[in-house]
């Protein structure tokens, strides 16, 4: 007998989730299923062996054709009655401007900069809207491990992650307001074991609930050990280096909350002037046939690609594949910024996941320059989290 898990979500910040027509927002089940797979990997030390049981897998046969060898035991459907849409141009960004010209600081613009670029204009689902996801488990419902994987992935997507474009930078933040098993809570007892933090009335209650959930995950899946750490490219996960900080100060408007969140990161990174000067000197030296950059800029630790723009040229830092002797497209950030709904207010939440830190655990190179750089002199990612701990 199939069982159905229903999840009710409230949208906290603009949700830029594209459909077949990228500029028009749509609730795409494949997007959410991919996010659930990501968060299962983040919590399960043995996801290499287990994830295909829960999310399906593919392999290539001898003729290099993809062949499905296992399908997920659950289906996912999205339901929305009516969701208002908005564009980036609808947001009054200027009210957060401080200073002028190149010195302008604006945390909301900083976090959402791609949406303002030419050709990057897209519509989003407006904050305040609600939608429903349904997970229909077709088989293996009696397997505790499957129920734990589904519950943990859904909970983490709602409380740590988000959905859509720029969800690591606060857009697409969601609140899980309710979840139920239609066949009865005794069929899916794992739901009661995890608190819904959107029901919290104080930051202390939220923090205690968050720690309770993390403890439950450790009991369900076990701790991350050296076999995960020794992998060449470690998937973002909630291992020993995982850190988080919730701001005690809440805001009534999502725009103001996002501006404060963005300013925390923008102000920190703008103080890192040596990066800019070192890269500029490198480009000038390379043009003259000397003076190459030796160490990767410290801010590569926030994620790649990292682009430095100058009046005459651009330098783009990218992950470097030592086997292929070439750069790769990207390495996502381990830093997740989002908003948490507590007592009707929106609180900035800063999370640093464990995993491979760009430049430190994986080499970095300047695009088209063909050689890896030495490690950055500082881990700015952790420096930022230390800063947040003092300031939030």
Protein backbone atom coordinates (compact mmCIF):
# COMPACT_ATOMS: atom_id res chain seq x y z
CA UNK A 1 0.00 0.00 0.00
CA UNK A 2 1.33 3.41 -0.96
CA UNK A 3 1.52 6.11 1.68
CA UNK A 4 1.41 9.86 1.11
CA UNK A 5 3.41 12.48 2.98
CA UNK A 6 2.14 16.05 2.59
CA UNK A 7 4.33 19.07 3.37
CA UNK A 8 3.01 22.62 3.65
CA UNK A 9 5.47 25.42 2.87
CA UNK A 10 5.38 29.19 3.22
CA UNK A 11 7.66 31.28 1.00
CA UNK A 12 9.78 33.69 3.07
CA UNK A 13 11.89 35.34 0.34
CA UNK A 14 11.42 35.56 -3.46
CA UNK A 15 11.52 32.09 -4.98
CA UNK A 16 13.25 32.17 -8.38
CA UNK A 17 12.39 28.69 -9.60
CA UNK A 18 12.20 28.45 -13.38
CA UNK A 19 10.17 26.10 -15.51
CA UNK A 20 10.37 25.25 -19.20
CA UNK A 21 10.35 29.01 -19.81
CA UNK A 22 13.14 30.11 -17.48
CA UNK A 23 11.84 33.64 -16.93
CA UNK A 24 8.49 32.37 -15.64
CA UNK A 25 8.46 30.78 -12.16
CA UNK A 26 7.17 27.25 -11.74
CA UNK A 27 7.17 24.61 -9.00
CA UNK A 28 9.18 21.86 -10.64
CA UNK A 29 9.15 18.46 -8.88
CA UNK A 30 12.56 17.47 -10.35
CA UNK A 31 14.11 20.55 -8.71
CA UNK A 32 12.77 19.58 -5.30
CA UNK A 33 13.77 15.96 -5.73
CA UNK A 34 17.31 17.08 -6.55
CA UNK A 35 17.35 19.20 -3.40
CA UNK A 36 16.19 16.26 -1.30
CA UNK A 37 19.01 14.16 -2.72
CA UNK A 38 21.49 16.94 -1.86
CA UNK A 39 20.33 17.13 1.75
CA UNK A 40 20.30 13.38 2.15
CA UNK A 41 23.95 13.40 1.10
CA UNK A 42 24.58 16.17 3.63
CA UNK A 43 23.36 14.07 6.55
CA UNK A 44 24.28 10.48 5.62
CA UNK A 45 27.96 9.42 5.89
CA UNK A 46 27.31 6.33 3.74
CA UNK A 47 25.24 8.03 1.06
CA UNK A 48 27.48 6.52 -1.65
CA UNK A 49 26.06 3.09 -0.88
CA UNK A 50 22.53 4.07 0.13
CA UNK A 51 21.27 6.99 -1.95
CA UNK A 52 20.40 4.91 -5.03
CA UNK A 53 17.93 2.96 -2.89
CA UNK A 54 16.03 6.15 -2.09
CA UNK A 55 16.56 8.41 -5.12
CA UNK A 56 17.34 6.02 -7.97
CA UNK A 57 20.49 5.91 -10.08
CA UNK A 58 21.78 5.56 -13.62
CA UNK A 59 24.82 3.99 -15.22
CA UNK A 60 26.29 3.79 -18.71
CA UNK A 61 26.47 0.52 -20.58
CA UNK A 62 29.23 -0.50 -22.98
CA UNK A 63 27.79 1.65 -25.75
CA UNK A 64 27.85 4.72 -23.46
CA UNK A 65 24.07 4.87 -23.35
CA UNK A 66 22.45 5.72 -20.06
CA UNK A 67 20.53 2.85 -18.50
CA UNK A 68 18.35 3.17 -15.44
CA UNK A 69 19.29 0.54 -12.85
CA UNK A 70 17.08 1.72 -10.01
CA UNK A 71 14.14 4.06 -9.65
CA UNK A 72 13.23 6.00 -6.56
CA UNK A 73 10.60 4.33 -4.35
CA UNK A 74 8.69 7.62 -4.08
CA UNK A 75 7.05 10.13 -6.40
CA UNK A 76 6.98 13.86 -5.75
CA UNK A 77 4.23 16.23 -6.78
CA UNK A 78 3.83 19.97 -6.26
CA UNK A 79 0.49 21.68 -5.68
CA UNK A 80 -0.30 25.38 -5.64
CA UNK A 81 -3.70 27.02 -5.75
CA UNK A 82 -2.47 30.52 -6.53
CA UNK A 83 0.93 32.11 -6.07
CA UNK A 84 1.54 35.77 -6.80
CA UNK A 85 4.61 36.59 -8.83
CA UNK A 86 7.00 39.53 -8.78
CA UNK A 87 10.05 40.78 -10.63
CA UNK A 88 13.36 42.04 -9.28
CA UNK A 89 12.40 45.50 -10.54
CA UNK A 90 9.44 45.51 -8.14
CA UNK A 91 11.81 45.69 -5.16
CA UNK A 92 12.75 49.14 -3.87
CA UNK A 93 16.47 48.48 -3.68
CA UNK A 94 17.62 52.09 -3.40
CA UNK A 95 16.22 52.57 0.08
CA UNK A 96 19.03 50.40 1.42
CA UNK A 97 21.84 52.25 -0.40
CA UNK A 98 24.61 53.66 1.74
CA UNK A 99 27.40 55.79 0.25
CA UNK A 100 27.58 56.60 -3.46
CA UNK A 101 29.10 55.44 -6.73
CA UNK A 102 31.59 52.60 -6.47
CA UNK A 103 31.47 52.90 -2.69
CA UNK A 104 27.74 52.08 -2.57
CA UNK A 105 26.84 49.37 -0.10
CA UNK A 106 23.56 47.50 -0.29
CA UNK A 107 23.18 44.02 1.18
CA UNK A 108 20.04 43.11 -0.76
CA UNK A 109 21.55 44.11 -4.11
CA UNK A 110 24.74 42.28 -3.16
CA UNK A 111 22.96 38.97 -2.54
CA UNK A 112 20.72 39.26 -5.59
CA UNK A 113 23.16 40.80 -8.07
CA UNK A 114 22.52 38.27 -10.93
CA UNK A 115 18.86 39.26 -11.06
CA UNK A 116 19.78 42.83 -11.98
CA UNK A 117 22.15 41.94 -14.81
CA UNK A 118 21.16 42.46 -18.42
CA UNK A 119 19.45 39.30 -19.61
CA UNK A 120 19.13 38.02 -16.04
CA UNK A 121 15.69 39.47 -15.33
CA UNK A 122 13.32 36.78 -14.08
CA UNK A 123 10.04 36.59 -12.23
CA UNK A 124 9.76 34.93 -8.84
CA UNK A 125 7.04 33.64 -6.55
CA UNK A 126 6.28 36.39 -4.05
CA UNK A 127 7.03 36.02 -0.32
CA UNK A 128 3.97 35.12 1.75
CA UNK A 129 2.65 32.54 -0.70
CA UNK A 130 2.11 28.91 0.24
CA UNK A 131 2.38 25.62 -1.61
CA UNK A 132 2.26 21.90 -0.95
CA UNK A 133 4.59 19.04 -1.81
CA UNK A 134 3.35 15.47 -1.82
CA UNK A 135 5.68 12.51 -1.51
CA UNK A 136 3.96 9.30 -2.50
CA UNK A 137 5.98 6.34 -1.26
CA UNK A 138 5.16 3.40 -3.51
CA UNK A 139 7.22 0.67 -1.86
CA UNK A 140 9.53 -0.13 1.06
CA UNK A 141 7.30 1.93 3.38
CA UNK A 142 8.11 -0.47 6.19
CA UNK A 143 11.83 0.29 5.94
CA UNK A 144 12.79 2.59 8.79
CA UNK A 145 15.89 3.73 6.91
CA UNK A 146 13.80 5.03 3.99
CA UNK A 147 11.44 6.93 6.26
CA UNK A 148 14.39 8.47 8.12
CA UNK A 149 16.05 9.51 4.85
CA UNK A 150 12.89 11.15 3.54
CA UNK A 151 12.11 12.94 6.82
CA UNK A 152 15.68 14.20 7.29
CA UNK A 153 16.04 15.43 3.70
CA UNK A 154 12.71 17.28 3.80
CA UNK A 155 13.50 18.84 7.19
CA UNK A 156 16.96 20.03 6.13
CA UNK A 157 15.73 21.46 2.83
CA UNK A 158 13.18 23.51 4.76
CA UNK A 159 15.33 24.61 7.70
CA UNK A 160 18.90 24.81 6.34
CA UNK A 161 18.56 25.09 2.58
CA UNK A 162 15.96 26.60 0.30
CA UNK A 163 14.96 26.34 -3.35
CA UNK A 164 15.63 28.02 -6.67
CA UNK A 165 18.31 30.41 -7.86
CA UNK A 166 20.57 31.95 -5.19
CA UNK A 167 19.09 29.82 -2.42
CA UNK A 168 22.56 29.65 -0.81
CA UNK A 169 22.35 33.41 -0.55
CA UNK A 170 18.95 33.70 1.06
CA UNK A 171 16.52 33.65 -1.86
CA UNK A 172 13.95 30.88 -1.87
CA UNK A 173 13.99 30.59 1.94
CA UNK A 174 11.06 28.44 3.07
CA UNK A 175 9.19 27.68 6.28
CA UNK A 176 7.82 24.17 6.75
CA UNK A 177 4.53 24.93 8.51
CA UNK A 178 3.08 21.41 8.66
CA UNK A 179 3.73 17.85 7.55
CA UNK A 180 1.53 14.80 7.89
CA UNK A 181 1.20 11.22 6.75
CA UNK A 182 -2.29 10.86 5.33
CA UNK A 183 -2.47 7.24 6.46
CA UNK A 184 -1.82 8.17 10.10
CA UNK A 185 1.12 9.36 12.20
CA UNK A 186 1.78 5.83 13.47
CA UNK A 187 2.73 4.86 9.89
CA UNK A 188 5.41 7.57 9.77
CA UNK A 189 6.61 8.10 13.40
CA UNK A 190 9.78 9.89 12.25
CA UNK A 191 7.77 13.07 11.64
CA UNK A 192 7.01 13.54 15.34
CA UNK A 193 10.70 13.10 16.19
CA UNK A 194 11.65 16.30 14.35
CA UNK A 195 10.35 19.71 15.52
CA UNK A 196 8.91 22.17 13.03
CA UNK A 197 10.90 25.28 13.89
CA UNK A 198 8.50 27.68 12.18
CA UNK A 199 6.29 27.12 15.24
CA UNK A 200 8.99 28.55 17.54
CA UNK A 201 8.09 31.75 19.37
CA UNK A 202 11.62 32.65 20.55
CA UNK A 203 15.15 32.30 19.18
CA UNK A 204 16.04 30.11 22.16
CA UNK A 205 13.22 27.71 21.34
CA UNK A 206 14.35 27.65 17.70
CA UNK A 207 17.98 26.95 18.66
CA UNK A 208 17.02 24.16 21.05
CA UNK A 209 14.83 22.59 18.38
CA UNK A 210 17.62 22.82 15.83
CA UNK A 211 20.08 21.08 18.15
CA UNK A 212 17.48 18.43 18.94
CA UNK A 213 17.07 17.67 15.23
CA UNK A 214 20.85 17.48 14.68
CA UNK A 215 21.12 15.02 17.56
CA UNK A 216 18.35 12.91 16.07
CA UNK A 217 20.16 12.81 12.72
CA UNK A 218 23.35 11.58 14.39
CA UNK A 219 21.39 8.76 16.02
CA UNK A 220 19.72 7.85 12.75
CA UNK A 221 22.70 8.01 10.40
CA UNK A 222 25.80 7.97 12.61
CA UNK A 223 28.71 10.44 12.64
CA UNK A 224 30.85 11.41 9.69
CA UNK A 225 34.22 9.69 9.93
CA UNK A 226 37.55 9.64 8.10
CA UNK A 227 36.26 7.72 5.08
CA UNK A 228 34.22 10.80 4.16
CA UNK A 229 36.97 13.27 4.96
CA UNK A 230 39.50 11.38 2.85
CA UNK A 231 37.47 11.70 -0.34
CA UNK A 232 39.12 13.99 -2.87
CA UNK A 233 36.00 16.12 -3.31
CA UNK A 234 33.83 16.04 -0.21
CA UNK A 235 30.15 16.77 -0.66
CA UNK A 236 28.84 19.54 1.65
CA UNK A 237 27.68 17.86 4.84
CA UNK A 238 26.94 18.34 8.53
CA UNK A 239 30.27 16.97 9.76
CA UNK A 240 32.62 18.25 12.48
CA UNK A 241 33.30 21.58 10.72
CA UNK A 242 29.59 22.43 10.43
CA UNK A 243 28.81 25.71 12.21
CA UNK A 244 25.78 27.95 12.39
CA UNK A 245 24.69 31.22 13.92
CA UNK A 246 21.18 32.62 14.30
CA UNK A 247 20.76 36.37 14.73
CA UNK A 248 18.83 37.42 17.82
CA UNK A 249 17.41 40.39 15.92
CA UNK A 250 14.33 39.79 13.79
CA UNK A 251 12.71 41.90 11.06
CA UNK A 252 9.13 42.29 9.91
CA UNK A 253 10.07 42.70 6.22
CA UNK A 254 12.03 40.21 4.15
CA UNK A 255 13.80 43.04 2.30
CA UNK A 256 15.25 44.52 5.48
CA UNK A 257 16.25 41.11 6.83
CA UNK A 258 18.01 40.23 3.58
CA UNK A 259 19.75 43.60 3.48
CA UNK A 260 21.19 43.07 6.95
CA UNK A 261 22.23 39.51 6.06
CA UNK A 262 23.91 40.67 2.87
CA UNK A 263 25.65 43.60 4.51
CA UNK A 264 27.24 41.24 7.01
CA UNK A 265 28.95 39.42 4.12
CA UNK A 266 29.50 42.46 1.88
CA UNK A 267 31.16 44.55 4.58
CA UNK A 268 33.40 41.66 5.59
CA UNK A 269 34.55 40.97 2.04
CA UNK A 270 35.12 44.63 1.20
CA UNK A 271 37.65 44.81 4.00
CA UNK A 272 39.74 42.21 2.16
CA UNK A 273 41.54 44.75 -0.04
CA UNK A 274 44.79 42.77 -0.53
CA UNK A 275 42.89 40.27 -2.71
CA UNK A 276 41.93 42.98 -5.16
CA UNK A 277 45.39 44.54 -5.24
CA UNK A 278 47.17 41.19 -5.58
CA UNK A 279 45.02 40.13 -8.53
CA UNK A 280 45.44 43.51 -10.23
CA UNK A 281 49.22 43.28 -9.80
CA UNK A 282 49.11 39.75 -11.23
CA UNK A 283 47.29 40.86 -14.38
CA UNK A 284 49.64 43.80 -14.88
CA UNK A 285 52.66 41.57 -14.31
CA UNK A 286 51.41 38.90 -16.69
CA UNK A 287 50.92 41.54 -19.38
CA UNK A 288 54.57 42.52 -18.98
CA UNK A 289 55.76 38.91 -18.98
CA UNK A 290 56.35 38.48 -15.24
CA UNK A 291 55.03 38.85 -11.72
CA UNK A 292 52.63 35.88 -11.58
CA UNK A 293 50.30 35.37 -8.64
CA UNK A 294 51.53 32.59 -6.33
CA UNK A 295 48.72 32.12 -3.81
CA UNK A 296 45.02 31.97 -4.56
CA UNK A 297 43.04 34.95 -3.21
CA UNK A 298 41.66 34.31 0.26
CA UNK A 299 38.07 34.84 -0.81
CA UNK A 300 38.11 31.79 -3.13
CA UNK A 301 37.21 29.87 0.04
CA UNK A 302 33.66 31.27 -0.29
CA UNK A 303 33.07 29.31 -3.52
CA UNK A 304 33.93 29.31 -7.21
CA UNK A 305 33.98 30.76 -9.81
CA UNK A 306 35.28 34.03 -8.38
CA UNK A 307 35.54 36.96 -10.77
CA UNK A 308 37.61 40.12 -10.38
CA UNK A 309 36.59 42.91 -12.76
CA UNK A 310 38.97 45.69 -13.73
CA UNK A 311 38.57 48.48 -16.26
CA UNK A 312 40.60 46.70 -18.93
CA UNK A 313 40.22 42.98 -18.19
CA UNK A 314 38.78 40.28 -15.96
CA UNK A 315 40.35 37.51 -13.89
CA UNK A 316 38.20 34.46 -13.14
CA UNK A 317 39.33 31.92 -10.55
CA UNK A 318 37.98 28.40 -11.04
CA UNK A 319 38.45 24.89 -9.61
CA UNK A 320 41.43 23.11 -11.14
CA UNK A 321 41.28 19.43 -12.15
CA UNK A 322 44.76 18.01 -11.59
CA UNK A 323 44.09 14.90 -13.68
CA UNK A 324 42.67 16.73 -16.70
CA UNK A 325 45.07 19.69 -16.25
CA UNK A 326 42.27 22.15 -16.82
CA UNK A 327 39.76 24.25 -14.91
CA UNK A 328 36.25 23.07 -14.04
CA UNK A 329 33.11 25.16 -14.11
CA UNK A 330 32.31 25.66 -10.43
CA UNK A 331 32.57 24.55 -6.82
CA UNK A 332 29.55 25.61 -4.81
CA UNK A 333 29.86 27.60 -1.61
CA UNK A 334 29.85 25.91 1.79
CA UNK A 335 28.27 29.09 3.17
CA UNK A 336 24.47 29.12 3.31
CA UNK A 337 22.63 32.33 4.18
CA UNK A 338 18.88 32.30 4.77
CA UNK A 339 16.05 33.64 6.90
CA UNK A 340 14.28 31.79 9.70
CA UNK A 341 10.68 32.55 10.67
CA UNK A 342 10.37 32.90 14.46
CA UNK A 343 7.37 34.39 16.22
CA UNK A 344 6.24 36.24 13.11
CA UNK A 345 9.66 37.84 12.53
CA UNK A 346 12.44 36.97 10.09
CA UNK A 347 15.88 36.28 11.57
CA UNK A 348 19.14 36.03 9.57
CA UNK A 349 20.70 32.56 9.76
CA UNK A 350 24.31 31.86 8.77
CA UNK A 351 25.48 28.28 8.18
CA UNK A 352 28.91 26.94 7.26
CA UNK A 353 28.73 23.35 6.03
CA UNK A 354 31.59 20.88 6.30
CA UNK A 355 33.22 19.76 3.05
CA UNK A 356 36.02 20.57 0.64
CA UNK A 357 37.03 24.22 0.96
CA UNK A 358 37.97 25.76 -2.42
CA UNK A 359 41.65 26.60 -2.63
CA UNK A 360 42.50 24.69 0.54
CA UNK A 361 41.23 21.17 -0.13
CA UNK A 362 40.99 21.55 -3.91
CA UNK A 363 43.37 23.56 -6.14
CA UNK A 364 42.37 26.78 -7.86
CA UNK A 365 43.64 28.36 -11.10
CA UNK A 366 43.02 31.51 -13.10
CA UNK A 367 40.95 30.66 -16.15
CA UNK A 368 43.11 30.28 -19.29
CA UNK A 369 46.35 30.58 -17.27
CA UNK A 370 46.78 26.83 -16.97
CA UNK A 371 48.53 26.27 -13.66
CA UNK A 372 47.21 25.74 -10.13
CA UNK A 373 47.95 28.32 -7.47
CA UNK A 374 49.23 27.74 -3.98
CA UNK A 375 46.74 27.70 -1.13
CA UNK A 376 45.31 31.03 0.04
CA UNK A 377 47.06 32.45 3.07
CA UNK A 378 43.86 32.50 5.13
CA UNK A 379 40.57 30.64 5.28
CA UNK A 380 38.25 33.60 4.85
CA UNK A 381 35.19 31.37 5.08
CA UNK A 382 35.96 30.54 8.69
CA UNK A 383 37.14 34.09 9.36
CA UNK A 384 33.68 35.24 8.29
CA UNK A 385 31.93 32.78 10.58
CA UNK A 386 34.12 33.98 13.46
CA UNK A 387 33.06 37.52 12.57
CA UNK A 388 29.38 36.53 12.49
CA UNK A 389 29.68 34.85 15.89
CA UNK A 390 30.76 38.17 17.37
CA UNK A 391 28.42 40.43 15.41
CA UNK A 392 25.13 38.54 14.87
